[in-house]
């Protein structure tokens, strides 16, 4: 039985990625070292009878049952075999920690280069400085998220609070392109127009989203945030 992700999934996750979701034949092998081995895999399998949680057969392939998923009888639910979704409150706290860490660097750079943001009575020069500060913030926040998420799925805040970002399709660590898209959706509006409002909307979406608890940036990148603890 092949362990490759389904065709058309775009960039292939590395074979040695310990977080890549495996089909049942691999998840049961001893010594695989995957965090998606038991007990998570066994605990999240859909019931063998009565259909899956999203309708139809619990194993894909329509109401009649039978093989139909990318791994034959592999469950159609993308979350099957993955750790539990991370708590939205902890995600918010991790994001605040990341904002503080990168915000300190942004403040130091804007201070060193004499870039300050004016909001009252700004003339043309002061407006230019405000834009420069926004550019610095956007570059640093996007680079921070993209580099760390594409390497391990974890920013410093997420690592500290025991969670990681994973591709919804296969559970793998997001590619650079996926991590970049996720970071752009989250941080560009934050840096240039509506910092607090956009952060609340994009990140707070996970409190109400069903069934994957995705923020708007997760929806754009097709990722989820799962617990590692």
N, C-alpha and C. Protein backbone atom coordinates (compact mmCIF):
# COMPACT_ATOMS: atom_id res chain seq x y z
N UNK A 1 0.85 -1.20 0.00
CA UNK A 1 0.00 0.00 0.00
C UNK A 1 0.88 1.24 0.00
N UNK A 2 0.65 2.15 -0.91
CA UNK A 2 1.52 3.31 -1.04
C UNK A 2 1.37 4.26 0.12
N UNK A 3 2.50 4.88 0.50
CA UNK A 3 2.46 5.88 1.57
C UNK A 3 2.51 7.28 1.03
N UNK A 4 2.48 7.42 -0.32
CA UNK A 4 2.52 8.74 -0.91
C UNK A 4 1.21 9.46 -0.70
N UNK A 5 1.22 10.81 -0.53
CA UNK A 5 -0.02 11.56 -0.44
C UNK A 5 -0.76 11.50 -1.74
N UNK A 6 -2.06 11.76 -1.76
CA UNK A 6 -2.88 11.61 -2.95
C UNK A 6 -2.44 12.51 -4.07
N UNK A 7 -2.67 12.09 -5.34
CA UNK A 7 -2.30 12.92 -6.48
C UNK A 7 -3.01 14.26 -6.42
N UNK A 8 -2.34 15.27 -7.00
CA UNK A 8 -2.96 16.58 -7.07
C UNK A 8 -2.87 17.35 -5.78
N UNK A 9 -2.05 16.87 -4.83
CA UNK A 9 -1.96 17.56 -3.55
C UNK A 9 -0.96 18.67 -3.56
N UNK A 10 -0.28 18.88 -4.74
CA UNK A 10 0.66 19.96 -4.82
C UNK A 10 2.02 19.50 -4.33
N UNK A 11 2.67 20.29 -3.54
CA UNK A 11 4.01 20.00 -3.06
C UNK A 11 3.98 18.79 -2.13
N UNK A 12 4.86 17.82 -2.39
CA UNK A 12 4.86 16.59 -1.63
C UNK A 12 5.57 16.80 -0.30
N UNK A 13 5.01 16.30 0.81
CA UNK A 13 5.72 16.39 2.09
C UNK A 13 6.91 15.45 2.08
N UNK A 14 8.02 15.81 2.74
CA UNK A 14 9.18 14.93 2.78
C UNK A 14 8.84 13.59 3.41
N UNK A 15 9.48 12.54 2.91
CA UNK A 15 9.21 11.21 3.43
C UNK A 15 9.62 11.09 4.90
N UNK A 16 10.64 11.86 5.32
CA UNK A 16 11.11 11.74 6.70
C UNK A 16 10.42 12.71 7.65
N UNK A 17 9.38 13.40 7.17
CA UNK A 17 8.64 14.30 8.04
C UNK A 17 7.90 13.48 9.10
N UNK A 18 8.26 13.61 10.39
CA UNK A 18 7.62 12.76 11.42
C UNK A 18 6.16 13.07 11.62
N UNK A 19 5.70 14.21 11.10
CA UNK A 19 4.31 14.60 11.31
C UNK A 19 3.42 14.25 10.12
N UNK A 20 4.01 13.73 9.06
CA UNK A 20 3.21 13.37 7.88
C UNK A 20 2.23 12.26 8.24
N UNK A 21 0.98 12.47 7.91
CA UNK A 21 -0.05 11.48 8.24
C UNK A 21 0.14 10.23 7.41
N UNK A 22 0.12 9.08 8.07
CA UNK A 22 0.32 7.80 7.40
C UNK A 22 -0.98 7.04 7.26
N UNK A 23 -1.06 6.18 6.22
CA UNK A 23 -2.21 5.27 6.15
C UNK A 23 -2.10 4.23 7.24
N UNK A 24 -3.18 3.48 7.51
CA UNK A 24 -3.19 2.55 8.64
C UNK A 24 -2.06 1.55 8.63
N UNK A 25 -1.61 1.06 7.47
CA UNK A 25 -0.56 0.05 7.43
C UNK A 25 0.74 0.58 7.99
N UNK A 26 1.01 1.89 7.81
CA UNK A 26 2.23 2.47 8.33
C UNK A 26 2.07 2.92 9.77
N UNK A 27 0.87 3.40 10.13
CA UNK A 27 0.68 3.91 11.48
C UNK A 27 0.85 2.82 12.52
N UNK A 28 0.60 1.56 12.13
CA UNK A 28 0.69 0.49 13.09
C UNK A 28 2.08 -0.10 13.22
N UNK A 29 3.03 0.31 12.35
CA UNK A 29 4.36 -0.25 12.40
C UNK A 29 5.11 0.23 13.62
N UNK A 30 5.87 -0.65 14.23
CA UNK A 30 6.66 -0.28 15.39
C UNK A 30 7.85 0.53 14.95
N UNK A 31 8.21 1.49 15.82
CA UNK A 31 9.40 2.27 15.58
C UNK A 31 9.23 3.37 14.56
N UNK A 32 8.00 3.67 14.14
CA UNK A 32 7.82 4.73 13.15
C UNK A 32 8.10 6.10 13.73
N UNK A 33 7.87 6.26 15.03
CA UNK A 33 8.18 7.52 15.68
C UNK A 33 7.23 8.63 15.35
N UNK A 34 6.14 8.36 14.67
CA UNK A 34 5.21 9.41 14.28
C UNK A 34 4.28 9.77 15.43
N UNK A 35 4.05 11.08 15.65
CA UNK A 35 3.10 11.47 16.70
C UNK A 35 1.67 11.12 16.34
N UNK A 36 1.44 10.62 15.10
CA UNK A 36 0.10 10.22 14.71
C UNK A 36 -0.13 8.72 14.92
N UNK A 37 0.84 8.02 15.52
CA UNK A 37 0.61 6.64 15.92
C UNK A 37 -0.36 6.61 17.10
N UNK A 38 -0.75 5.42 17.55
CA UNK A 38 -1.62 5.29 18.73
C UNK A 38 -0.97 6.04 19.88
N UNK A 39 -1.73 6.69 20.80
CA UNK A 39 -3.18 6.52 20.91
C UNK A 39 -4.01 7.45 20.05
N UNK A 40 -3.38 8.47 19.41
CA UNK A 40 -4.19 9.43 18.67
C UNK A 40 -4.94 8.76 17.52
N UNK A 41 -4.21 7.90 16.76
CA UNK A 41 -4.85 7.30 15.59
C UNK A 41 -6.05 6.46 15.99
N UNK A 42 -5.89 5.62 17.02
CA UNK A 42 -7.00 4.77 17.42
C UNK A 42 -8.16 5.57 17.98
N UNK A 43 -7.82 6.65 18.70
CA UNK A 43 -8.88 7.40 19.39
C UNK A 43 -9.73 8.20 18.43
N UNK A 44 -9.18 8.54 17.25
CA UNK A 44 -9.91 9.44 16.36
C UNK A 44 -10.53 8.72 15.18
N UNK A 45 -10.46 7.38 15.14
CA UNK A 45 -11.08 6.68 14.02
C UNK A 45 -12.59 6.82 14.09
N UNK A 46 -13.26 7.06 12.96
CA UNK A 46 -14.71 7.16 12.96
C UNK A 46 -15.34 5.80 13.23
N UNK A 47 -16.57 5.77 13.67
CA UNK A 47 -17.22 4.50 13.98
C UNK A 47 -17.31 3.63 12.75
N UNK A 48 -17.17 2.29 12.92
CA UNK A 48 -17.18 1.41 11.75
C UNK A 48 -18.54 1.28 11.10
N UNK A 49 -19.61 1.66 11.79
CA UNK A 49 -20.95 1.55 11.23
C UNK A 49 -21.67 2.88 11.40
N UNK A 50 -22.63 3.08 10.54
CA UNK A 50 -23.50 4.24 10.71
C UNK A 50 -23.02 5.48 10.01
N UNK A 51 -21.93 5.38 9.22
CA UNK A 51 -21.51 6.54 8.45
C UNK A 51 -20.53 7.39 9.21
N UNK A 52 -19.81 8.24 8.46
CA UNK A 52 -18.81 9.12 9.04
C UNK A 52 -19.45 10.35 9.64
N UNK A 53 -18.63 11.18 10.30
CA UNK A 53 -19.17 12.36 10.97
C UNK A 53 -19.66 13.43 10.02
N UNK A 54 -19.28 13.32 8.71
CA UNK A 54 -19.71 14.33 7.75
C UNK A 54 -20.60 13.73 6.68
N UNK A 55 -21.22 12.60 6.97
CA UNK A 55 -22.15 11.99 6.02
C UNK A 55 -21.48 10.94 5.16
N UNK A 56 -22.28 10.06 4.55
CA UNK A 56 -21.74 9.02 3.70
C UNK A 56 -21.03 7.96 4.50
N UNK A 57 -20.20 7.21 3.79
CA UNK A 57 -19.46 6.14 4.43
C UNK A 57 -18.35 6.70 5.28
N UNK A 58 -18.06 6.10 6.43
CA UNK A 58 -16.97 6.60 7.26
C UNK A 58 -15.62 6.43 6.60
N UNK A 59 -15.52 5.63 5.54
CA UNK A 59 -14.26 5.40 4.88
C UNK A 59 -14.23 5.98 3.48
N UNK A 60 -15.08 6.94 3.21
CA UNK A 60 -15.11 7.53 1.87
C UNK A 60 -15.84 6.59 0.92
N UNK A 61 -15.91 6.97 -0.32
CA UNK A 61 -16.50 6.09 -1.32
C UNK A 61 -18.00 6.15 -1.38
N UNK A 62 -18.63 7.09 -0.69
CA UNK A 62 -20.06 7.30 -0.85
C UNK A 62 -20.88 6.47 0.09
N UNK A 63 -22.22 6.60 0.00
CA UNK A 63 -23.12 5.94 0.94
C UNK A 63 -23.00 4.43 0.94
N UNK A 64 -22.54 3.84 -0.16
CA UNK A 64 -22.47 2.40 -0.24
C UNK A 64 -21.30 1.80 0.49
N UNK A 65 -20.36 2.66 0.96
CA UNK A 65 -19.19 2.15 1.66
C UNK A 65 -18.15 1.66 0.68
N UNK A 66 -17.16 0.99 1.20
CA UNK A 66 -16.11 0.46 0.35
C UNK A 66 -14.99 1.46 0.19
N UNK A 67 -13.89 1.05 -0.41
CA UNK A 67 -12.74 1.93 -0.58
C UNK A 67 -13.11 3.14 -1.42
N UNK A 68 -12.58 4.26 -1.06
CA UNK A 68 -12.87 5.45 -1.83
C UNK A 68 -11.93 6.58 -1.48
N UNK A 69 -11.24 6.48 -0.33
CA UNK A 69 -10.29 7.50 0.06
C UNK A 69 -8.97 7.30 -0.67
N UNK A 70 -8.01 8.22 -0.48
CA UNK A 70 -6.72 8.14 -1.18
C UNK A 70 -5.92 6.92 -0.79
N UNK A 71 -6.22 6.31 0.35
CA UNK A 71 -5.51 5.11 0.78
C UNK A 71 -6.44 3.91 0.85
N UNK A 72 -7.42 3.83 -0.03
CA UNK A 72 -8.35 2.71 0.00
C UNK A 72 -9.34 2.89 1.13
N UNK A 73 -9.12 2.15 2.24
CA UNK A 73 -10.06 2.24 3.35
C UNK A 73 -9.64 3.30 4.37
N UNK A 74 -8.74 4.20 4.01
CA UNK A 74 -8.32 5.27 4.93
C UNK A 74 -9.48 6.24 5.14
N UNK A 75 -9.76 6.65 6.36
CA UNK A 75 -10.95 7.46 6.63
C UNK A 75 -10.98 8.75 5.84
N UNK A 76 -12.19 9.15 5.44
CA UNK A 76 -12.35 10.37 4.65
C UNK A 76 -12.15 11.62 5.48
N UNK A 77 -12.36 11.54 6.78
CA UNK A 77 -12.19 12.69 7.66
C UNK A 77 -10.72 13.11 7.66
N UNK A 78 -10.38 14.36 7.24
CA UNK A 78 -8.97 14.76 7.20
C UNK A 78 -8.30 14.74 8.57
N UNK A 79 -9.08 14.85 9.65
CA UNK A 79 -8.49 14.88 10.99
C UNK A 79 -8.21 13.50 11.54
N UNK A 80 -8.69 12.45 10.87
CA UNK A 80 -8.47 11.10 11.38
C UNK A 80 -6.98 10.80 11.41
N UNK A 81 -6.51 10.27 12.54
CA UNK A 81 -5.11 9.94 12.69
C UNK A 81 -4.24 11.11 13.10
N UNK A 82 -4.84 12.28 13.33
CA UNK A 82 -4.08 13.45 13.75
C UNK A 82 -4.34 13.74 15.22
N UNK A 83 -3.41 14.45 15.89
CA UNK A 83 -3.66 14.85 17.27
C UNK A 83 -4.87 15.77 17.37
N UNK A 84 -5.38 16.01 18.56
CA UNK A 84 -6.54 16.90 18.72
C UNK A 84 -6.22 18.32 18.26
N UNK A 85 -7.24 19.01 17.79
CA UNK A 85 -7.08 20.41 17.43
C UNK A 85 -6.71 21.23 18.66
N UNK A 86 -5.85 22.22 18.47
CA UNK A 86 -5.39 23.05 19.58
C UNK A 86 -6.51 23.95 20.09
N UNK A 87 -6.48 24.24 21.36
CA UNK A 87 -7.46 25.13 21.98
C UNK A 87 -7.30 26.55 21.43
N UNK A 88 -8.40 27.19 21.07
CA UNK A 88 -8.35 28.53 20.48
C UNK A 88 -7.80 29.56 21.46
N UNK A 89 -8.08 29.39 22.75
CA UNK A 89 -7.54 30.31 23.74
C UNK A 89 -6.02 30.25 23.80
N UNK A 90 -5.47 29.03 23.76
CA UNK A 90 -4.02 28.88 23.76
C UNK A 90 -3.41 29.42 22.47
N UNK A 91 -4.13 29.26 21.36
CA UNK A 91 -3.65 29.83 20.11
C UNK A 91 -3.55 31.35 20.20
N UNK A 92 -4.54 31.95 20.81
CA UNK A 92 -4.53 33.41 20.96
C UNK A 92 -3.35 33.86 21.81
N UNK A 93 -3.10 33.14 22.90
CA UNK A 93 -1.98 33.49 23.78
C UNK A 93 -0.65 33.33 23.05
N UNK A 94 -0.52 32.25 22.26
CA UNK A 94 0.71 32.05 21.49
C UNK A 94 0.91 33.18 20.49
N UNK A 95 -0.17 33.62 19.86
CA UNK A 95 -0.07 34.72 18.89
C UNK A 95 0.35 36.01 19.57
N UNK A 96 -0.17 36.27 20.75
CA UNK A 96 0.22 37.48 21.50
C UNK A 96 1.70 37.45 21.82
N UNK A 97 2.20 36.28 22.25
CA UNK A 97 3.62 36.14 22.55
C UNK A 97 4.47 36.42 21.31
N UNK A 98 4.04 35.87 20.17
CA UNK A 98 4.78 36.12 18.92
C UNK A 98 4.76 37.59 18.54
N UNK A 99 3.61 38.23 18.71
CA UNK A 99 3.50 39.65 18.38
C UNK A 99 4.43 40.49 19.25
N UNK A 100 4.53 40.14 20.51
CA UNK A 100 5.41 40.88 21.41
C UNK A 100 6.87 40.70 21.02
N UNK A 101 7.26 39.45 20.73
CA UNK A 101 8.65 39.16 20.38
C UNK A 101 9.07 39.89 19.12
N UNK A 102 8.26 39.79 18.07
CA UNK A 102 8.61 40.46 16.81
C UNK A 102 8.42 41.96 16.95
N UNK A 103 7.43 42.39 17.73
CA UNK A 103 7.19 43.81 17.93
C UNK A 103 8.38 44.51 18.57
N UNK A 104 9.08 43.82 19.46
CA UNK A 104 10.28 44.41 20.08
C UNK A 104 11.34 44.66 19.02
N UNK A 105 11.52 43.70 18.11
CA UNK A 105 12.51 43.87 17.04
C UNK A 105 12.10 45.01 16.11
N UNK A 106 10.81 45.09 15.78
CA UNK A 106 10.32 46.19 14.93
C UNK A 106 10.59 47.53 15.60
N UNK A 107 10.31 47.62 16.88
CA UNK A 107 10.53 48.89 17.60
C UNK A 107 12.00 49.27 17.61
N UNK A 108 12.89 48.29 17.82
CA UNK A 108 14.32 48.58 17.84
C UNK A 108 14.80 49.07 16.47
N UNK A 109 14.34 48.44 15.41
CA UNK A 109 14.77 48.85 14.08
C UNK A 109 14.23 50.23 13.71
N UNK A 110 12.98 50.49 14.02
CA UNK A 110 12.42 51.81 13.71
C UNK A 110 13.11 52.90 14.54
N UNK A 111 13.54 52.56 15.73
CA UNK A 111 14.26 53.53 16.58
C UNK A 111 15.66 53.77 16.02
N UNK A 112 16.35 52.70 15.60
CA UNK A 112 17.70 52.84 15.07
C UNK A 112 17.74 53.64 13.78
N UNK A 113 16.71 53.46 12.93
CA UNK A 113 16.68 54.15 11.65
C UNK A 113 15.88 55.46 11.69
N UNK A 114 15.45 55.85 12.88
CA UNK A 114 14.72 57.10 13.01
C UNK A 114 13.35 57.09 12.37
N UNK A 115 12.75 55.91 12.26
CA UNK A 115 11.42 55.78 11.67
C UNK A 115 10.40 55.77 12.78
N UNK A 116 9.48 56.75 12.76
CA UNK A 116 8.44 56.82 13.77
C UNK A 116 7.10 56.99 13.08
N UNK A 117 6.05 56.61 13.77
CA UNK A 117 4.71 56.71 13.18
C UNK A 117 3.96 57.87 13.81
N UNK A 118 3.45 58.76 12.96
CA UNK A 118 2.69 59.91 13.42
C UNK A 118 1.22 59.71 13.07
N UNK A 119 0.36 60.12 13.95
CA UNK A 119 -1.07 59.94 13.70
C UNK A 119 -1.83 61.26 13.74
N UNK A 120 -1.24 62.32 14.24
CA UNK A 120 -1.92 63.60 14.36
C UNK A 120 -1.09 64.67 13.68
N UNK A 121 -1.71 65.46 12.79
CA UNK A 121 -1.03 66.57 12.13
C UNK A 121 0.18 66.14 11.32
N UNK A 122 0.12 64.99 10.71
CA UNK A 122 1.27 64.48 9.98
C UNK A 122 1.43 65.20 8.64
N UNK A 123 2.69 65.62 8.35
CA UNK A 123 2.94 66.21 7.03
C UNK A 123 3.43 65.11 6.10
N UNK A 124 3.88 65.49 4.91
CA UNK A 124 4.21 64.49 3.91
C UNK A 124 5.37 63.60 4.36
N UNK A 125 6.39 64.19 4.98
CA UNK A 125 7.54 63.42 5.45
C UNK A 125 7.12 62.42 6.52
N UNK A 126 6.27 62.85 7.43
CA UNK A 126 5.84 61.99 8.52
C UNK A 126 5.00 60.82 8.01
N UNK A 127 4.20 61.07 6.98
CA UNK A 127 3.43 59.99 6.39
C UNK A 127 4.37 58.95 5.79
N UNK A 128 5.44 59.42 5.13
CA UNK A 128 6.42 58.50 4.57
C UNK A 128 7.07 57.65 5.64
N UNK A 129 7.35 58.22 6.79
CA UNK A 129 7.94 57.47 7.88
C UNK A 129 6.96 56.42 8.41
N UNK A 130 5.69 56.77 8.45
CA UNK A 130 4.68 55.82 8.90
C UNK A 130 4.63 54.61 7.98
N UNK A 131 4.69 54.86 6.67
CA UNK A 131 4.68 53.76 5.71
C UNK A 131 5.94 52.91 5.87
N UNK A 132 7.07 53.54 6.11
CA UNK A 132 8.32 52.80 6.29
C UNK A 132 8.22 51.87 7.49
N UNK A 133 7.63 52.35 8.56
CA UNK A 133 7.46 51.51 9.73
C UNK A 133 6.56 50.31 9.43
N UNK A 134 5.50 50.54 8.67
CA UNK A 134 4.60 49.45 8.31
C UNK A 134 5.31 48.41 7.45
N UNK A 135 6.16 48.87 6.53
CA UNK A 135 6.91 47.94 5.68
C UNK A 135 7.84 47.08 6.52
N UNK A 136 8.55 47.70 7.46
CA UNK A 136 9.45 46.94 8.33
C UNK A 136 8.66 45.89 9.12
N UNK A 137 7.54 46.30 9.67
CA UNK A 137 6.72 45.37 10.46
C UNK A 137 6.22 44.22 9.59
N UNK A 138 5.74 44.53 8.38
CA UNK A 138 5.20 43.48 7.51
C UNK A 138 6.28 42.47 7.14
N UNK A 139 7.47 42.97 6.77
CA UNK A 139 8.56 42.08 6.37
C UNK A 139 8.97 41.17 7.52
N UNK A 140 9.11 41.73 8.71
CA UNK A 140 9.58 40.93 9.84
C UNK A 140 8.53 39.91 10.29
N UNK A 141 7.28 40.32 10.39
CA UNK A 141 6.24 39.38 10.82
C UNK A 141 6.04 38.26 9.80
N UNK A 142 6.02 38.60 8.51
CA UNK A 142 5.83 37.58 7.48
C UNK A 142 7.03 36.62 7.45
N UNK A 143 8.24 37.17 7.53
CA UNK A 143 9.43 36.32 7.51
C UNK A 143 9.48 35.41 8.73
N UNK A 144 9.14 35.95 9.89
CA UNK A 144 9.14 35.17 11.13
C UNK A 144 8.20 33.97 11.02
N UNK A 145 6.96 34.20 10.61
CA UNK A 145 6.00 33.11 10.50
C UNK A 145 6.40 32.12 9.40
N UNK A 146 6.80 32.64 8.24
CA UNK A 146 7.10 31.77 7.11
C UNK A 146 8.26 30.84 7.40
N UNK A 147 9.33 31.37 7.92
CA UNK A 147 10.53 30.57 8.17
C UNK A 147 10.28 29.51 9.23
N UNK A 148 9.70 29.91 10.37
CA UNK A 148 9.53 28.96 11.46
C UNK A 148 8.45 27.92 11.16
N UNK A 149 7.34 28.35 10.56
CA UNK A 149 6.26 27.41 10.27
C UNK A 149 6.69 26.39 9.22
N UNK A 150 7.45 26.82 8.20
CA UNK A 150 7.89 25.89 7.16
C UNK A 150 8.97 24.94 7.66
N UNK A 151 9.66 25.29 8.72
CA UNK A 151 10.70 24.41 9.26
C UNK A 151 10.13 23.34 10.19
N UNK A 152 9.27 23.75 11.11
CA UNK A 152 8.80 22.81 12.13
C UNK A 152 7.30 22.89 12.39
N UNK A 153 6.61 23.86 11.76
CA UNK A 153 5.20 24.06 12.04
C UNK A 153 4.96 24.87 13.30
N UNK A 154 6.03 25.37 13.91
CA UNK A 154 5.88 26.06 15.20
C UNK A 154 6.61 27.39 15.21
N UNK A 155 5.91 28.44 15.61
CA UNK A 155 6.57 29.67 16.02
C UNK A 155 7.03 29.48 17.46
N UNK A 156 7.74 30.44 18.00
CA UNK A 156 8.20 30.32 19.39
C UNK A 156 7.01 30.24 20.35
N UNK A 157 5.98 31.04 20.08
CA UNK A 157 4.80 31.01 20.94
C UNK A 157 4.10 29.66 20.89
N UNK A 158 3.96 29.11 19.69
CA UNK A 158 3.30 27.81 19.55
C UNK A 158 4.13 26.70 20.19
N UNK A 159 5.44 26.76 20.04
CA UNK A 159 6.29 25.75 20.65
C UNK A 159 6.19 25.78 22.17
N UNK A 160 6.17 26.98 22.72
CA UNK A 160 6.08 27.13 24.17
C UNK A 160 4.77 26.58 24.72
N UNK A 161 3.68 26.73 23.97
CA UNK A 161 2.37 26.31 24.45
C UNK A 161 1.92 24.95 23.88
N UNK A 162 2.82 24.25 23.20
CA UNK A 162 2.52 22.88 22.80
C UNK A 162 1.52 22.72 21.68
N UNK A 163 1.80 23.35 20.53
CA UNK A 163 0.93 23.21 19.37
C UNK A 163 1.75 23.43 18.11
N UNK A 164 1.19 23.04 16.97
CA UNK A 164 1.88 23.23 15.71
C UNK A 164 0.88 23.37 14.58
N UNK A 165 1.35 23.96 13.48
CA UNK A 165 0.55 24.09 12.27
C UNK A 165 0.79 22.87 11.39
N UNK A 166 -0.27 22.32 10.81
CA UNK A 166 -0.16 21.15 9.94
C UNK A 166 -1.04 21.34 8.72
N UNK A 167 -0.61 20.77 7.60
CA UNK A 167 -1.47 20.73 6.41
C UNK A 167 -2.72 19.93 6.73
N UNK A 168 -3.88 20.45 6.38
CA UNK A 168 -5.12 19.74 6.64
C UNK A 168 -5.18 18.44 5.84
N UNK A 169 -4.62 18.44 4.65
CA UNK A 169 -4.74 17.28 3.77
C UNK A 169 -3.95 16.07 4.26
N UNK A 170 -2.72 16.30 4.75
CA UNK A 170 -1.86 15.16 5.05
C UNK A 170 -1.14 15.25 6.40
N UNK A 171 -1.38 16.30 7.17
CA UNK A 171 -0.78 16.41 8.49
C UNK A 171 0.67 16.81 8.49
N UNK A 172 1.26 17.06 7.32
CA UNK A 172 2.68 17.36 7.22
C UNK A 172 2.97 18.80 7.64
N UNK A 173 4.25 19.07 7.90
CA UNK A 173 4.69 20.44 8.12
C UNK A 173 4.44 21.24 6.84
N UNK A 174 3.83 22.42 6.93
CA UNK A 174 3.52 23.20 5.72
C UNK A 174 4.77 23.52 4.90
N UNK A 175 4.61 23.55 3.60
CA UNK A 175 5.69 23.95 2.71
C UNK A 175 5.95 25.45 2.85
N UNK A 176 7.04 25.91 2.26
CA UNK A 176 7.36 27.34 2.30
C UNK A 176 6.23 28.16 1.66
N UNK A 177 5.71 27.68 0.53
CA UNK A 177 4.64 28.40 -0.15
C UNK A 177 3.38 28.49 0.69
N UNK A 178 3.03 27.38 1.35
CA UNK A 178 1.84 27.37 2.21
C UNK A 178 2.04 28.28 3.40
N UNK A 179 3.22 28.21 4.03
CA UNK A 179 3.50 29.06 5.18
C UNK A 179 3.52 30.53 4.80
N UNK A 180 4.03 30.84 3.62
CA UNK A 180 4.07 32.23 3.16
C UNK A 180 2.66 32.76 2.93
N UNK A 181 1.82 31.98 2.26
CA UNK A 181 0.43 32.41 2.03
C UNK A 181 -0.28 32.65 3.36
N UNK A 182 -0.11 31.75 4.29
CA UNK A 182 -0.73 31.88 5.61
C UNK A 182 -0.27 33.16 6.31
N UNK A 183 1.04 33.43 6.23
CA UNK A 183 1.60 34.62 6.89
C UNK A 183 1.13 35.91 6.21
N UNK A 184 1.06 35.90 4.88
CA UNK A 184 0.63 37.11 4.17
C UNK A 184 -0.81 37.49 4.53
N UNK A 185 -1.69 36.49 4.57
CA UNK A 185 -3.09 36.77 4.91
C UNK A 185 -3.21 37.31 6.33
N UNK A 186 -2.39 36.81 7.23
CA UNK A 186 -2.47 37.24 8.62
C UNK A 186 -1.82 38.60 8.86
N UNK A 187 -0.64 38.84 8.26
CA UNK A 187 0.17 39.98 8.68
C UNK A 187 0.10 41.21 7.79
N UNK A 188 -0.22 41.08 6.50
CA UNK A 188 -0.26 42.29 5.66
C UNK A 188 -1.34 43.27 6.11
N UNK A 189 -2.59 42.82 6.33
CA UNK A 189 -3.57 43.78 6.85
C UNK A 189 -3.18 44.30 8.23
N UNK A 190 -2.56 43.47 9.04
CA UNK A 190 -2.10 43.88 10.36
C UNK A 190 -1.11 45.03 10.26
N UNK A 191 -0.19 44.96 9.32
CA UNK A 191 0.88 45.95 9.23
C UNK A 191 0.43 47.25 8.57
N UNK A 192 -0.52 47.19 7.62
CA UNK A 192 -0.79 48.36 6.81
C UNK A 192 -2.12 49.08 7.07
N UNK A 193 -3.08 48.41 7.69
CA UNK A 193 -4.35 49.13 7.78
C UNK A 193 -5.09 48.94 9.11
N UNK A 194 -5.23 47.74 9.57
CA UNK A 194 -6.17 47.52 10.67
C UNK A 194 -5.63 46.46 11.64
N UNK A 195 -4.54 46.82 12.30
CA UNK A 195 -3.79 45.85 13.10
C UNK A 195 -4.67 45.08 14.09
N UNK A 196 -5.24 45.79 15.04
CA UNK A 196 -5.99 45.11 16.10
C UNK A 196 -7.26 44.45 15.57
N UNK A 197 -7.99 45.16 14.71
CA UNK A 197 -9.26 44.64 14.20
C UNK A 197 -9.03 43.37 13.38
N UNK A 198 -8.04 43.40 12.47
CA UNK A 198 -7.81 42.24 11.62
C UNK A 198 -7.30 41.05 12.43
N UNK A 199 -6.46 41.30 13.41
CA UNK A 199 -5.94 40.21 14.25
C UNK A 199 -7.09 39.53 14.99
N UNK A 200 -8.01 40.32 15.50
CA UNK A 200 -9.16 39.75 16.21
C UNK A 200 -10.04 38.94 15.26
N UNK A 201 -10.28 39.48 14.06
CA UNK A 201 -11.16 38.78 13.10
C UNK A 201 -10.50 37.50 12.59
N UNK A 202 -9.25 37.62 12.09
CA UNK A 202 -8.59 36.46 11.48
C UNK A 202 -8.31 35.37 12.50
N UNK A 203 -7.74 35.75 13.64
CA UNK A 203 -7.43 34.76 14.65
C UNK A 203 -8.65 34.29 15.43
N UNK A 204 -9.56 35.23 15.72
CA UNK A 204 -10.75 34.89 16.49
C UNK A 204 -11.72 34.00 15.75
N UNK A 205 -11.56 33.90 14.41
CA UNK A 205 -12.44 33.04 13.62
C UNK A 205 -12.38 31.60 14.11
N UNK A 206 -11.24 31.19 14.65
CA UNK A 206 -11.08 29.80 15.07
C UNK A 206 -11.99 29.45 16.25
N UNK A 207 -12.44 30.44 17.01
CA UNK A 207 -13.32 30.17 18.15
C UNK A 207 -14.69 29.67 17.68
N UNK A 208 -15.07 30.02 16.45
CA UNK A 208 -16.41 29.70 15.96
C UNK A 208 -16.41 28.74 14.77
N UNK A 209 -15.26 28.55 14.15
CA UNK A 209 -15.21 27.73 12.93
C UNK A 209 -15.44 26.26 13.24
N UNK A 210 -16.24 25.61 12.40
CA UNK A 210 -16.50 24.18 12.51
C UNK A 210 -16.26 23.54 11.15
N UNK A 211 -15.68 22.34 11.10
CA UNK A 211 -15.25 21.51 12.23
C UNK A 211 -13.76 21.61 12.54
N UNK A 212 -13.02 22.48 11.81
CA UNK A 212 -11.56 22.44 11.90
C UNK A 212 -10.93 23.55 12.75
N UNK A 213 -11.75 24.46 13.31
CA UNK A 213 -11.24 25.53 14.17
C UNK A 213 -10.13 26.33 13.47
N UNK A 214 -10.41 26.72 12.22
CA UNK A 214 -9.43 27.46 11.43
C UNK A 214 -9.64 28.96 11.57
N UNK A 215 -8.53 29.69 11.66
CA UNK A 215 -8.57 31.13 11.46
C UNK A 215 -8.69 31.40 9.96
N UNK A 216 -8.93 32.66 9.59
CA UNK A 216 -9.05 32.98 8.17
C UNK A 216 -7.76 32.68 7.42
N UNK A 217 -6.61 32.87 8.07
CA UNK A 217 -5.33 32.56 7.44
C UNK A 217 -5.17 31.05 7.26
N UNK A 218 -5.72 30.25 8.18
CA UNK A 218 -5.70 28.80 8.01
C UNK A 218 -6.57 28.37 6.83
N UNK A 219 -7.72 29.00 6.68
CA UNK A 219 -8.60 28.66 5.58
C UNK A 219 -7.93 28.95 4.23
N UNK A 220 -7.24 30.09 4.15
CA UNK A 220 -6.57 30.45 2.91
C UNK A 220 -5.46 29.45 2.56
N UNK A 221 -4.74 28.99 3.57
CA UNK A 221 -3.61 28.10 3.35
C UNK A 221 -3.97 26.63 3.47
N UNK A 222 -5.23 26.32 3.87
CA UNK A 222 -5.67 24.93 4.07
C UNK A 222 -4.82 24.23 5.14
N UNK A 223 -4.70 24.88 6.29
CA UNK A 223 -3.95 24.33 7.41
C UNK A 223 -4.84 24.26 8.65
N UNK A 224 -4.38 23.51 9.63
CA UNK A 224 -5.02 23.47 10.94
C UNK A 224 -3.92 23.57 11.99
N UNK A 225 -4.33 23.88 13.23
CA UNK A 225 -3.38 23.94 14.34
C UNK A 225 -3.75 22.82 15.31
N UNK A 226 -2.79 21.94 15.57
CA UNK A 226 -3.04 20.77 16.42
C UNK A 226 -2.15 20.82 17.65
N UNK A 227 -2.57 20.07 18.66
CA UNK A 227 -1.82 19.99 19.90
C UNK A 227 -0.64 19.04 19.75
N UNK A 228 0.47 19.35 20.41
CA UNK A 228 1.62 18.44 20.43
C UNK A 228 1.87 17.86 21.80
N UNK A 229 1.07 18.27 22.78
CA UNK A 229 1.28 17.81 24.15
C UNK A 229 0.32 16.71 24.54
